[in-house]
PDB file of all heavy atoms in Angstrom:
ATOM      1  N   GLN A   1       0.820  -1.215  -0.008  1.00  0.00           N
ATOM      2  CA  GLN A   1      -0.006   0.000   0.003  1.00  0.00           C
ATOM      3  C   GLN A   1       0.861   1.267   0.002  1.00  0.00           C
ATOM      4  O   GLN A   1       0.583   2.230  -0.721  1.00  0.00           O
ATOM      5  CB  GLN A   1      -0.926   0.020   1.217  1.00  0.00           C
ATOM      6  CG  GLN A   1      -2.113  -0.952   1.140  1.00  0.00           C
ATOM      7  CD  GLN A   1      -3.237  -0.497   2.036  1.00  0.00           C
ATOM      8  OE1 GLN A   1      -3.780   0.608   1.865  1.00  0.00           O
ATOM      9  NE2 GLN A   1      -3.631  -1.322   2.991  1.00  0.00           N
ATOM     10  N   MET A   2       1.911   1.243   0.815  1.00  0.00           N
ATOM     11  CA  MET A   2       2.804   2.434   0.898  1.00  0.00           C
ATOM     12  C   MET A   2       3.541   2.638  -0.435  1.00  0.00           C
ATOM     13  O   MET A   2       3.748   3.785  -0.872  1.00  0.00           O
ATOM     14  CB  MET A   2       3.751   2.295   2.060  1.00  0.00           C
ATOM     15  CG  MET A   2       3.049   2.394   3.407  1.00  0.00           C
ATOM     16  SD  MET A   2       4.151   2.229   4.846  1.00  0.00           S
ATOM     17  CE  MET A   2       5.004   3.785   4.795  1.00  0.00           C
ATOM     18  N   SER A   3       3.937   1.564  -1.099  1.00  0.00           N
ATOM     19  CA  SER A   3       4.643   1.667  -2.381  1.00  0.00           C
ATOM     20  C   SER A   3       3.727   2.263  -3.445  1.00  0.00           C
ATOM     21  O   SER A   3       4.189   2.876  -4.403  1.00  0.00           O
ATOM     22  CB  SER A   3       5.202   0.316  -2.834  1.00  0.00           C
ATOM     23  OG  SER A   3       4.139  -0.501  -3.290  1.00  0.00           O
ATOM     24  N   GLN A   4       2.387   2.057  -3.278  1.00  0.00           N
ATOM     25  CA  GLN A   4       1.408   2.595  -4.210  1.00  0.00           C
ATOM     26  C   GLN A   4       0.905   3.982  -3.778  1.00  0.00           C
ATOM     27  O   GLN A   4       0.013   4.542  -4.405  1.00  0.00           O
ATOM     28  CB  GLN A   4       0.202   1.639  -4.304  1.00  0.00           C
ATOM     29  CG  GLN A   4       0.527   0.220  -4.717  1.00  0.00           C
ATOM     30  CD  GLN A   4       1.103   0.150  -6.132  1.00  0.00           C
ATOM     31  OE1 GLN A   4       0.486   0.660  -7.071  1.00  0.00           O
ATOM     32  NE2 GLN A   4       2.268  -0.435  -6.281  1.00  0.00           N
ATOM     33  N   ASP A   5       1.470   4.496  -2.663  1.00  0.00           N
ATOM     34  CA  ASP A   5       1.060   5.775  -2.096  1.00  0.00           C
ATOM     35  C   ASP A   5      -0.434   5.810  -1.785  1.00  0.00           C
ATOM     36  O   ASP A   5      -1.137   6.798  -2.030  1.00  0.00           O
ATOM     37  CB  ASP A   5       1.450   6.949  -3.021  1.00  0.00           C
ATOM     38  CG  ASP A   5       1.453   8.276  -2.271  1.00  0.00           C
ATOM     39  OD1 ASP A   5       1.648   8.284  -1.044  1.00  0.00           O
ATOM     40  OD2 ASP A   5       1.242   9.320  -2.921  1.00  0.00           O
ATOM     41  N   ARG A   6      -0.939   4.678  -1.267  1.00  0.00           N
ATOM     42  CA  ARG A   6      -2.377   4.598  -0.929  1.00  0.00           C
ATOM     43  C   ARG A   6      -2.644   5.432   0.298  1.00  0.00           C
ATOM     44  O   ARG A   6      -1.765   5.598   1.169  1.00  0.00           O
ATOM     45  CB  ARG A   6      -2.766   3.133  -0.626  1.00  0.00           C
ATOM     46  CG  ARG A   6      -2.518   2.127  -1.724  1.00  0.00           C
ATOM     47  CD  ARG A   6      -3.402   2.322  -2.944  1.00  0.00           C
ATOM     48  NE  ARG A   6      -4.846   2.211  -2.684  1.00  0.00           N
ATOM     49  CZ  ARG A   6      -5.489   1.097  -2.488  1.00  0.00           C
ATOM     50  NH1 ARG A   6      -4.855  -0.093  -2.530  1.00  0.00           N
ATOM     51  NH2 ARG A   6      -6.801   1.075  -2.287  1.00  0.00           N
ATOM     52  N   LYS A   7      -3.878   5.945   0.399  1.00  0.00           N
ATOM     53  CA  LYS A   7      -4.247   6.762   1.566  1.00  0.00           C
ATOM     54  C   LYS A   7      -5.477   6.148   2.242  1.00  0.00           C
ATOM     55  O   LYS A   7      -6.375   6.853   2.659  1.00  0.00           O
ATOM     56  CB  LYS A   7      -4.566   8.201   1.110  1.00  0.00           C
ATOM     57  CG  LYS A   7      -3.431   8.915   0.375  1.00  0.00           C
ATOM     58  CD  LYS A   7      -2.434   9.520   1.343  1.00  0.00           C
ATOM     59  CE  LYS A   7      -1.526  10.527   0.691  1.00  0.00           C
ATOM     60  NZ  LYS A   7      -0.432   9.945  -0.068  1.00  0.00           N
ATOM     61  N   THR A   8      -5.536   4.822   2.282  1.00  0.00           N
ATOM     62  CA  THR A   8      -6.725   4.153   2.829  1.00  0.00           C
ATOM     63  C   THR A   8      -6.826   4.387   4.337  1.00  0.00           C
ATOM     64  O   THR A   8      -5.824   4.562   5.018  1.00  0.00           O
ATOM     65  CB  THR A   8      -6.666   2.629   2.580  1.00  0.00           C
ATOM     66  OG1 THR A   8      -5.534   2.096   3.281  1.00  0.00           O
ATOM     67  CG2 THR A   8      -6.529   2.318   1.087  1.00  0.00           C
ATOM     68  N   THR A   9      -8.062   4.397   4.813  1.00  0.00           N
ATOM     69  CA  THR A   9      -8.283   4.563   6.257  1.00  0.00           C
ATOM     70  C   THR A   9      -7.567   3.477   7.042  1.00  0.00           C
ATOM     71  O   THR A   9      -7.006   3.720   8.095  1.00  0.00           O
ATOM     72  CB  THR A   9      -9.811   4.527   6.543  1.00  0.00           C
ATOM     73  OG1 THR A   9     -10.417   5.599   5.811  1.00  0.00           O
ATOM     74  CG2 THR A   9     -10.101   4.686   8.042  1.00  0.00           C
ATOM     75  N   ALA A  10      -7.605   2.243   6.520  1.00  0.00           N
ATOM     76  CA  ALA A  10      -6.972   1.104   7.205  1.00  0.00           C
ATOM     77  C   ALA A  10      -5.475   1.350   7.401  1.00  0.00           C
ATOM     78  O   ALA A  10      -4.936   1.136   8.486  1.00  0.00           O
ATOM     79  CB  ALA A  10      -7.199  -0.181   6.406  1.00  0.00           C
ATOM     80  N   LEU A  11      -4.806   1.789   6.345  1.00  0.00           N
ATOM     81  CA  LEU A  11      -3.357   2.058   6.437  1.00  0.00           C
ATOM     82  C   LEU A  11      -3.072   3.229   7.363  1.00  0.00           C
ATOM     83  O   LEU A  11      -2.212   3.156   8.236  1.00  0.00           O
ATOM     84  CB  LEU A  11      -2.809   2.345   5.039  1.00  0.00           C
ATOM     85  CG  LEU A  11      -1.310   2.664   4.969  1.00  0.00           C
ATOM     86  CD1 LEU A  11      -0.453   1.483   5.437  1.00  0.00           C
ATOM     87  CD2 LEU A  11      -0.897   3.077   3.563  1.00  0.00           C
ATOM     88  N   LYS A  12      -3.860   4.316   7.219  1.00  0.00           N
ATOM     89  CA  LYS A  12      -3.641   5.517   8.030  1.00  0.00           C
ATOM     90  C   LYS A  12      -3.827   5.193   9.522  1.00  0.00           C
ATOM     91  O   LYS A  12      -3.118   5.736  10.371  1.00  0.00           O
ATOM     92  CB  LYS A  12      -4.620   6.621   7.620  1.00  0.00           C
ATOM     93  CG  LYS A  12      -4.151   7.445   6.425  1.00  0.00           C
ATOM     94  CD  LYS A  12      -5.109   8.620   6.237  1.00  0.00           C
ATOM     95  CE  LYS A  12      -4.599   9.593   5.177  1.00  0.00           C
ATOM     96  NZ  LYS A  12      -5.498  10.741   5.022  1.00  0.00           N
ATOM     97  N   GLN A  13      -4.807   4.329   9.810  1.00  0.00           N
ATOM     98  CA  GLN A  13      -5.102   4.024  11.218  1.00  0.00           C
ATOM     99  C   GLN A  13      -3.931   3.266  11.856  1.00  0.00           C
ATOM    100  O   GLN A  13      -3.506   3.631  12.949  1.00  0.00           O
ATOM    101  CB  GLN A  13      -6.390   3.174  11.302  1.00  0.00           C
ATOM    102  CG  GLN A  13      -6.810   2.912  12.722  1.00  0.00           C
ATOM    103  CD  GLN A  13      -8.256   2.391  12.802  1.00  0.00           C
ATOM    104  OE1 GLN A  13      -9.191   3.087  12.374  1.00  0.00           O
ATOM    105  NE2 GLN A  13      -8.437   1.185  13.273  1.00  0.00           N
ATOM    106  N   LEU A  14      -3.404   2.260  11.151  1.00  0.00           N
ATOM    107  CA  LEU A  14      -2.252   1.536  11.716  1.00  0.00           C
ATOM    108  C   LEU A  14      -1.047   2.464  11.862  1.00  0.00           C
ATOM    109  O   LEU A  14      -0.370   2.472  12.882  1.00  0.00           O
ATOM    110  CB  LEU A  14      -1.895   0.337  10.825  1.00  0.00           C
ATOM    111  CG  LEU A  14      -0.621  -0.410  11.267  1.00  0.00           C
ATOM    112  CD1 LEU A  14      -0.876  -1.171  12.579  1.00  0.00           C
ATOM    113  CD2 LEU A  14      -0.136  -1.375  10.216  1.00  0.00           C
ATOM    114  N   GLN A  15      -0.798   3.280  10.815  1.00  0.00           N
ATOM    115  CA  GLN A  15       0.329   4.217  10.872  1.00  0.00           C
ATOM    116  C   GLN A  15       0.184   5.147  12.079  1.00  0.00           C
ATOM    117  O   GLN A  15       1.149   5.369  12.820  1.00  0.00           O
ATOM    118  CB  GLN A  15       0.403   5.039   9.590  1.00  0.00           C
ATOM    119  CG  GLN A  15       0.894   4.244   8.378  1.00  0.00           C
ATOM    120  CD  GLN A  15       0.771   5.034   7.107  1.00  0.00           C
ATOM    121  OE1 GLN A  15      -0.084   5.907   6.972  1.00  0.00           O
ATOM    122  NE2 GLN A  15       1.613   4.731   6.122  1.00  0.00           N
ATOM    123  N   GLY A  16      -1.020   5.667  12.285  1.00  0.00           N
ATOM    124  CA  GLY A  16      -1.264   6.593  13.399  1.00  0.00           C
ATOM    125  C   GLY A  16      -0.967   5.934  14.733  1.00  0.00           C
ATOM    126  O   GLY A  16      -0.338   6.550  15.613  1.00  0.00           O
ATOM    127  N   HIS A  17      -1.370   4.677  14.906  1.00  0.00           N
ATOM    128  CA  HIS A  17      -1.131   3.997  16.173  1.00  0.00           C
ATOM    129  C   HIS A  17       0.364   3.692  16.372  1.00  0.00           C
ATOM    130  O   HIS A  17       0.871   3.761  17.483  1.00  0.00           O
ATOM    131  CB  HIS A  17      -1.960   2.698  16.232  1.00  0.00           C
ATOM    132  CG  HIS A  17      -3.434   2.957  16.330  1.00  0.00           C
ATOM    133  ND1 HIS A  17      -4.389   2.117  15.819  1.00  0.00           N
ATOM    134  CD2 HIS A  17      -4.124   4.029  16.822  1.00  0.00           C
ATOM    135  CE1 HIS A  17      -5.596   2.619  16.033  1.00  0.00           C
ATOM    136  NE2 HIS A  17      -5.440   3.777  16.620  1.00  0.00           N
ATOM    137  N   MET A  18       1.039   3.360  15.275  1.00  0.00           N
ATOM    138  CA  MET A  18       2.486   3.105  15.372  1.00  0.00           C
ATOM    139  C   MET A  18       3.247   4.390  15.737  1.00  0.00           C
ATOM    140  O   MET A  18       4.146   4.403  16.554  1.00  0.00           O
ATOM    141  CB  MET A  18       3.033   2.514  14.067  1.00  0.00           C
ATOM    142  CG  MET A  18       2.703   1.073  13.856  1.00  0.00           C
ATOM    143  SD  MET A  18       3.490   0.396  12.370  1.00  0.00           S
ATOM    144  CE  MET A  18       5.226   0.503  12.810  1.00  0.00           C
ATOM    145  N   TRP A  19       2.849   5.499  15.060  1.00  0.00           N
ATOM    146  CA  TRP A  19       3.508   6.790  15.363  1.00  0.00           C
ATOM    147  C   TRP A  19       3.267   7.199  16.812  1.00  0.00           C
ATOM    148  O   TRP A  19       4.168   7.705  17.468  1.00  0.00           O
ATOM    149  CB  TRP A  19       3.011   7.861  14.385  1.00  0.00           C
ATOM    150  CG  TRP A  19       3.577   7.685  13.001  1.00  0.00           C
ATOM    151  CD1 TRP A  19       4.777   7.137  12.637  1.00  0.00           C
ATOM    152  CD2 TRP A  19       2.919   8.047  11.773  1.00  0.00           C
ATOM    153  NE1 TRP A  19       4.897   7.138  11.277  1.00  0.00           N
ATOM    154  CE2 TRP A  19       3.803   7.689  10.712  1.00  0.00           C
ATOM    155  CE3 TRP A  19       1.700   8.646  11.444  1.00  0.00           C
ATOM    156  CZ2 TRP A  19       3.472   7.906   9.374  1.00  0.00           C
ATOM    157  CZ3 TRP A  19       1.376   8.867  10.133  1.00  0.00           C
ATOM    158  CH2 TRP A  19       2.263   8.510   9.100  1.00  0.00           C
ATOM    159  N   ARG A  20       2.030   7.010  17.264  1.00  0.00           N
ATOM    160  CA  ARG A  20       1.709   7.376  18.659  1.00  0.00           C
ATOM    161  C   ARG A  20       2.662   6.660  19.617  1.00  0.00           C
ATOM    162  O   ARG A  20       3.232   7.280  20.500  1.00  0.00           O
ATOM    163  CB  ARG A  20       0.251   7.007  18.980  1.00  0.00           C
ATOM    164  CG  ARG A  20      -0.182   7.397  20.390  1.00  0.00           C
ATOM    165  CD  ARG A  20      -1.584   6.915  20.663  1.00  0.00           C
ATOM    166  NE  ARG A  20      -1.650   5.467  20.641  1.00  0.00           N
ATOM    167  CZ  ARG A  20      -2.752   4.748  20.438  1.00  0.00           C
ATOM    168  NH1 ARG A  20      -3.903   5.368  20.246  1.00  0.00           N
ATOM    169  NH2 ARG A  20      -2.739   3.446  20.442  1.00  0.00           N
ATOM    170  N   ALA A  21       2.823   5.358  19.419  1.00  0.00           N
ATOM    171  CA  ALA A  21       3.721   4.581  20.307  1.00  0.00           C
ATOM    172  C   ALA A  21       5.158   5.109  20.245  1.00  0.00           C
ATOM    173  O   ALA A  21       5.834   5.220  21.244  1.00  0.00           O
ATOM    174  CB  ALA A  21       3.680   3.094  19.911  1.00  0.00           C
ATOM    175  N   ALA A  22       5.590   5.502  19.033  1.00  0.00           N
ATOM    176  CA  ALA A  22       6.962   5.982  18.843  1.00  0.00           C
ATOM    177  C   ALA A  22       7.157   7.366  19.472  1.00  0.00           C
ATOM    178  O   ALA A  22       8.191   7.663  20.083  1.00  0.00           O
ATOM    179  CB  ALA A  22       7.315   6.010  17.379  1.00  0.00           C
ATOM    180  N   TYR A  23       6.145   8.251  19.344  1.00  0.00           N
ATOM    181  CA  TYR A  23       6.227   9.564  19.951  1.00  0.00           C
ATOM    182  C   TYR A  23       6.259   9.459  21.487  1.00  0.00           C
ATOM    183  O   TYR A  23       7.055  10.091  22.144  1.00  0.00           O
ATOM    184  CB  TYR A  23       5.036  10.428  19.549  1.00  0.00           C
ATOM    185  CG  TYR A  23       5.134  11.112  18.185  1.00  0.00           C
ATOM    186  CD1 TYR A  23       4.268  10.785  17.156  1.00  0.00           C
ATOM    187  CD2 TYR A  23       6.087  12.110  17.974  1.00  0.00           C
ATOM    188  CE1 TYR A  23       4.337  11.445  15.920  1.00  0.00           C
ATOM    189  CE2 TYR A  23       6.165  12.759  16.743  1.00  0.00           C
ATOM    190  CZ  TYR A  23       5.280  12.423  15.717  1.00  0.00           C
ATOM    191  OH  TYR A  23       5.362  13.054  14.509  1.00  0.00           O
ATOM    192  N   VAL A  24       5.335   8.635  22.006  1.00  0.00           N
ATOM    193  CA  VAL A  24       5.210   8.507  23.472  1.00  0.00           C
ATOM    194  C   VAL A  24       6.523   7.991  24.077  1.00  0.00           C
ATOM    195  O   VAL A  24       6.923   8.457  25.158  1.00  0.00           O
ATOM    196  CB  VAL A  24       4.027   7.567  23.842  1.00  0.00           C
ATOM    197  CG1 VAL A  24       4.054   7.164  25.293  1.00  0.00           C
ATOM    198  CG2 VAL A  24       2.707   8.251  23.495  1.00  0.00           C
ATOM    199  N   THR A  25       7.195   7.079  23.406  1.00  0.00           N
ATOM    200  CA  THR A  25       8.445   6.531  23.958  1.00  0.00           C
ATOM    201  C   THR A  25       9.668   7.381  23.581  1.00  0.00           C
ATOM    202  O   THR A  25      10.784   7.034  23.940  1.00  0.00           O
ATOM    203  CB  THR A  25       8.667   5.082  23.449  1.00  0.00           C
ATOM    204  OG1 THR A  25       8.595   5.078  22.009  1.00  0.00           O
ATOM    205  CG2 THR A  25       7.621   4.132  24.006  1.00  0.00           C
ATOM    206  N   GLY A  26       9.442   8.479  22.839  1.00  0.00           N
ATOM    207  CA  GLY A  26      10.569   9.360  22.503  1.00  0.00           C
ATOM    208  C   GLY A  26      11.409   8.915  21.329  1.00  0.00           C
ATOM    209  O   GLY A  26      12.475   9.503  21.069  1.00  0.00           O
ATOM    210  N   LEU A  27      10.984   7.863  20.625  1.00  0.00           N
ATOM    211  CA  LEU A  27      11.749   7.388  19.466  1.00  0.00           C
ATOM    212  C   LEU A  27      11.736   8.404  18.339  1.00  0.00           C
ATOM    213  O   LEU A  27      12.696   8.515  17.581  1.00  0.00           O
ATOM    214  CB  LEU A  27      11.182   6.050  18.951  1.00  0.00           C
ATOM    215  CG  LEU A  27      11.555   4.799  19.759  1.00  0.00           C
ATOM    216  CD1 LEU A  27      10.740   3.616  19.252  1.00  0.00           C
ATOM    217  CD2 LEU A  27      13.040   4.509  19.623  1.00  0.00           C
ATOM    218  N   ILE A  28      10.621   9.116  18.198  1.00  0.00           N
ATOM    219  CA  ILE A  28      10.573  10.200  17.184  1.00  0.00           C
ATOM    220  C   ILE A  28       9.968  11.445  17.830  1.00  0.00           C
ATOM    221  O   ILE A  28       9.190  11.371  18.802  1.00  0.00           O
ATOM    222  CB  ILE A  28       9.761   9.804  15.932  1.00  0.00           C
ATOM    223  CG1 ILE A  28       8.385   9.223  16.275  1.00  0.00           C
ATOM    224  CG2 ILE A  28      10.518   8.859  15.050  1.00  0.00           C
ATOM    225  CD1 ILE A  28       7.568   8.836  15.079  1.00  0.00           C
ATOM    226  N   LYS A  29      10.370  12.607  17.313  1.00  0.00           N
ATOM    227  CA  LYS A  29       9.845  13.891  17.783  1.00  0.00           C
ATOM    228  C   LYS A  29       9.452  14.731  16.573  1.00  0.00           C
ATOM    229  O   LYS A  29      10.092  14.645  15.528  1.00  0.00           O
ATOM    230  CB  LYS A  29      10.899  14.651  18.592  1.00  0.00           C
ATOM    231  CG  LYS A  29      11.114  14.154  20.003  1.00  0.00           C
ATOM    232  CD  LYS A  29      12.093  15.041  20.729  1.00  0.00           C
ATOM    233  CE  LYS A  29      12.435  14.515  22.116  1.00  0.00           C
ATOM    234  NZ  LYS A  29      11.347  14.548  23.068  1.00  0.00           N
ATOM    235  N   GLY A  30       8.412  15.551  16.737  1.00  0.00           N
ATOM    236  CA  GLY A  30       8.035  16.480  15.674  1.00  0.00           C
ATOM    237  C   GLY A  30       9.020  17.632  15.655  1.00  0.00           C
ATOM    238  O   GLY A  30       9.269  18.264  16.684  1.00  0.00           O
ATOM    239  N   GLU A  31       9.598  17.897  14.502  1.00  0.00           N
ATOM    240  CA  GLU A  31      10.575  18.991  14.395  1.00  0.00           C
ATOM    241  C   GLU A  31       9.899  20.306  14.094  1.00  0.00           C
ATOM    242  O   GLU A  31       9.098  20.416  13.169  1.00  0.00           O
ATOM    243  CB  GLU A  31      11.619  18.668  13.316  1.00  0.00           C
ATOM    244  CG  GLU A  31      12.542  17.531  13.700  1.00  0.00           C
ATOM    245  CD  GLU A  31      13.711  17.364  12.750  1.00  0.00           C
ATOM    246  OE1 GLU A  31      14.140  18.356  12.168  1.00  0.00           O
ATOM    247  OE2 GLU A  31      14.155  16.219  12.605  1.00  0.00           O
ATOM    248  N   VAL A  32      10.221  21.305  14.895  1.00  0.00           N
ATOM    249  CA  VAL A  32       9.592  22.637  14.748  1.00  0.00           C
ATOM    250  C   VAL A  32      10.714  23.674  14.568  1.00  0.00           C
ATOM    251  O   VAL A  32      11.630  23.726  15.376  1.00  0.00           O
ATOM    252  CB  VAL A  32       8.756  22.965  15.994  1.00  0.00           C
ATOM    253  CG1 VAL A  32       8.097  24.341  15.822  1.00  0.00           C
ATOM    254  CG2 VAL A  32       7.703  21.916  16.248  1.00  0.00           C
ATOM    255  N   PHE A  33      10.620  24.467  13.513  1.00  0.00           N
ATOM    256  CA  PHE A  33      11.604  25.528  13.293  1.00  0.00           C
ATOM    257  C   PHE A  33      11.558  26.513  14.457  1.00  0.00           C
ATOM    258  O   PHE A  33      10.482  26.820  15.002  1.00  0.00           O
ATOM    259  CB  PHE A  33      11.350  26.241  11.968  1.00  0.00           C
ATOM    260  CG  PHE A  33      11.613  25.387  10.772  1.00  0.00           C
ATOM    261  CD1 PHE A  33      10.568  24.861  10.033  1.00  0.00           C
ATOM    262  CD2 PHE A  33      12.912  25.120  10.363  1.00  0.00           C
ATOM    263  CE1 PHE A  33      10.818  24.082   8.922  1.00  0.00           C
ATOM    264  CE2 PHE A  33      13.170  24.329   9.241  1.00  0.00           C
ATOM    265  CZ  PHE A  33      12.113  23.815   8.513  1.00  0.00           C
ATOM    266  N   GLU A  34      12.737  27.065  14.811  1.00  0.00           N
ATOM    267  CA  GLU A  34      12.843  27.854  16.050  1.00  0.00           C
ATOM    268  C   GLU A  34      12.053  29.174  16.021  1.00  0.00           C
ATOM    269  O   GLU A  34      11.715  29.731  17.068  1.00  0.00           O
ATOM    270  CB  GLU A  34      14.300  28.138  16.397  1.00  0.00           C
ATOM    271  CG  GLU A  34      15.072  28.908  15.336  1.00  0.00           C
ATOM    272  CD  GLU A  34      16.552  29.048  15.698  1.00  0.00           C
ATOM    273  OE1 GLU A  34      17.059  28.244  16.493  1.00  0.00           O
ATOM    274  OE2 GLU A  34      17.165  29.975  15.157  1.00  0.00           O
ATOM    275  N   ASP A  35      11.700  29.653  14.822  1.00  0.00           N
ATOM    276  CA  ASP A  35      10.944  30.922  14.763  1.00  0.00           C
ATOM    277  C   ASP A  35       9.453  30.709  14.968  1.00  0.00           C
ATOM    278  O   ASP A  35       8.699  31.674  15.157  1.00  0.00           O
ATOM    279  CB  ASP A  35      11.159  31.583  13.393  1.00  0.00           C
ATOM    280  CG  ASP A  35      10.812  30.681  12.229  1.00  0.00           C
ATOM    281  OD1 ASP A  35      11.640  29.798  11.890  1.00  0.00           O
ATOM    282  OD2 ASP A  35       9.728  30.812  11.665  1.00  0.00           O
ATOM    283  N   VAL A  36       8.996  29.478  14.950  1.00  0.00           N
ATOM    284  CA  VAL A  36       7.548  29.183  14.888  1.00  0.00           C
ATOM    285  C   VAL A  36       6.846  29.512  16.225  1.00  0.00           C
ATOM    286  O   VAL A  36       5.864  30.272  16.248  1.00  0.00           O
ATOM    287  CB  VAL A  36       7.301  27.695  14.499  1.00  0.00           C
ATOM    288  CG1 VAL A  36       5.839  27.318  14.702  1.00  0.00           C
ATOM    289  CG2 VAL A  36       7.728  27.481  13.069  1.00  0.00           C
ATOM    290  N   VAL A  37       7.324  28.946  17.322  1.00  0.00           N
ATOM    291  CA  VAL A  37       6.629  29.114  18.615  1.00  0.00           C
ATOM    292  C   VAL A  37       6.544  30.573  19.035  1.00  0.00           C
ATOM    293  O   VAL A  37       5.464  31.081  19.385  1.00  0.00           O
ATOM    294  CB  VAL A  37       7.235  28.196  19.701  1.00  0.00           C
ATOM    295  CG1 VAL A  37       6.628  28.514  21.059  1.00  0.00           C
ATOM    296  CG2 VAL A  37       6.977  26.734  19.344  1.00  0.00           C
TER     297      VAL A  37
END
């Protein structure tokens, strides 16, 4: 699905749950340019 650049709800839902777990454990962080805040 990802190789076909699909945007299905099923794929987005799993991705969202995986990202949530990674954000919560600090594995990934959202990068914000310093002028934004």
